[in-house]
C-alpha atoms as a PDB file:
ATOM      1  CA  MET A   1      -7.786   4.389  50.459  1.00  0.00           C
ATOM      2  CA  ALA A   2      -9.910   3.291  53.087  1.00  0.00           C
ATOM      3  CA  GLN A   3     -11.428   1.141  50.601  1.00  0.00           C
ATOM      4  CA  PHE A   4      -8.578  -1.131  50.380  1.00  0.00           C
ATOM      5  CA  ALA A   5      -8.690  -1.735  54.044  1.00  0.00           C
ATOM      6  CA  ARG A   6     -11.926  -3.654  53.949  1.00  0.00           C
ATOM      7  CA  PRO A   7     -11.519  -7.653  54.093  1.00  0.00           C
ATOM      8  CA  ALA A   8     -12.812  -8.297  50.619  1.00  0.00           C
ATOM      9  CA  PHE A   9      -9.875  -6.630  49.088  1.00  0.00           C
ATOM     10  CA  ARG A  10      -7.025  -7.497  51.600  1.00  0.00           C
ATOM     11  CA  GLY A  11      -5.996 -10.842  50.098  1.00  0.00           C
ATOM     12  CA  ASP A  12      -6.363  -9.684  46.581  1.00  0.00           C
ATOM     13  CA  LEU A  13      -4.157  -6.579  46.976  1.00  0.00           C
ATOM     14  CA  ALA A  14      -1.395  -7.856  49.184  1.00  0.00           C
ATOM     15  CA  ASP A  15       1.116  -7.373  46.213  1.00  0.00           C
ATOM     16  CA  ILE A  16      -0.202  -4.462  44.628  1.00  0.00           C
ATOM     17  CA  ALA A  17       1.899  -1.045  44.682  1.00  0.00           C
ATOM     18  CA  LEU A  18      -0.029   2.060  44.163  1.00  0.00           C
ATOM     19  CA  ALA A  19       1.467   5.376  42.842  1.00  0.00           C
ATOM     20  CA  PHE A  20       0.145   8.367  41.379  1.00  0.00           C
ATOM     21  CA  VAL A  21       1.466  11.034  38.869  1.00  0.00           C
ATOM     22  CA  PRO A  22       0.258  14.715  39.556  1.00  0.00           C
ATOM     23  CA  PHE A  23      -0.963  16.550  36.545  1.00  0.00           C
ATOM     24  CA  ASP A  24       1.592  19.211  37.249  1.00  0.00           C
ATOM     25  CA  ASP A  25       4.438  16.602  36.609  1.00  0.00           C
ATOM     26  CA  LEU A  26       2.836  15.505  33.905  1.00  0.00           C
ATOM     27  CA  ARG A  27       2.557  18.805  32.145  1.00  0.00           C
ATOM     28  CA  ASP A  28       6.164  19.604  33.265  1.00  0.00           C
ATOM     29  CA  HIS A  29       7.771  16.287  31.917  1.00  0.00           C
ATOM     30  CA  CYS A  30       5.444  16.044  28.715  1.00  0.00           C
ATOM     31  CA  GLU A  31       7.818  16.713  26.071  1.00  0.00           C
ATOM     32  CA  ALA A  32      10.893  14.159  27.796  1.00  0.00           C
ATOM     33  CA  LEU A  33       8.074  11.510  28.363  1.00  0.00           C
ATOM     34  CA  CYS A  34       6.875  11.731  24.723  1.00  0.00           C
ATOM     35  CA  LYS A  35      10.519  11.785  23.599  1.00  0.00           C
ATOM     36  CA  PHE A  36      12.378   9.248  25.653  1.00  0.00           C
ATOM     37  CA  GLY A  37       9.659   7.201  26.757  1.00  0.00           C
ATOM     38  CA  GLU A  38       8.608   3.815  24.926  1.00  0.00           C
ATOM     39  CA  ASP A  39       5.808   2.930  26.859  1.00  0.00           C
ATOM     40  CA  HIS A  40       3.904   3.602  30.089  1.00  0.00           C
ATOM     41  CA  THR A  41       6.926   2.283  32.182  1.00  0.00           C
ATOM     42  CA  ILE A  42       8.517   5.723  31.858  1.00  0.00           C
ATOM     43  CA  LEU A  43       5.853   6.984  34.277  1.00  0.00           C
ATOM     44  CA  LYS A  44       7.327   5.055  37.290  1.00  0.00           C
ATOM     45  CA  LYS A  45      10.137   7.427  37.001  1.00  0.00           C
ATOM     46  CA  ILE A  46       8.060  10.102  37.891  1.00  0.00           C
ATOM     47  CA  ALA A  47       5.426   8.484  40.043  1.00  0.00           C
ATOM     48  CA  ARG A  48       4.934   9.251  43.603  1.00  0.00           C
ATOM     49  CA  GLY A  49       3.757   7.443  46.758  1.00  0.00           C
ATOM     50  CA  SER A  50       4.498   3.979  45.714  1.00  0.00           C
ATOM     51  CA  ARG A  51       3.308   1.542  48.530  1.00  0.00           C
ATOM     52  CA  THR A  52       2.345  -2.011  48.565  1.00  0.00           C
ATOM     53  CA  PHE A  53      -0.807  -3.073  50.607  1.00  0.00           C
END
């Protein structure tokens, strides 16, 4: 995360939201994600730490 604080990244990353999905959550919700998810946007529902730089 410290790399994103560098001046070279500040302007380009101003509106980017970062989030992550722990592997435990993927394992726990794998069947539901495959059954009900139509594309990658389903991951936003279980993602953590969404923040804008």
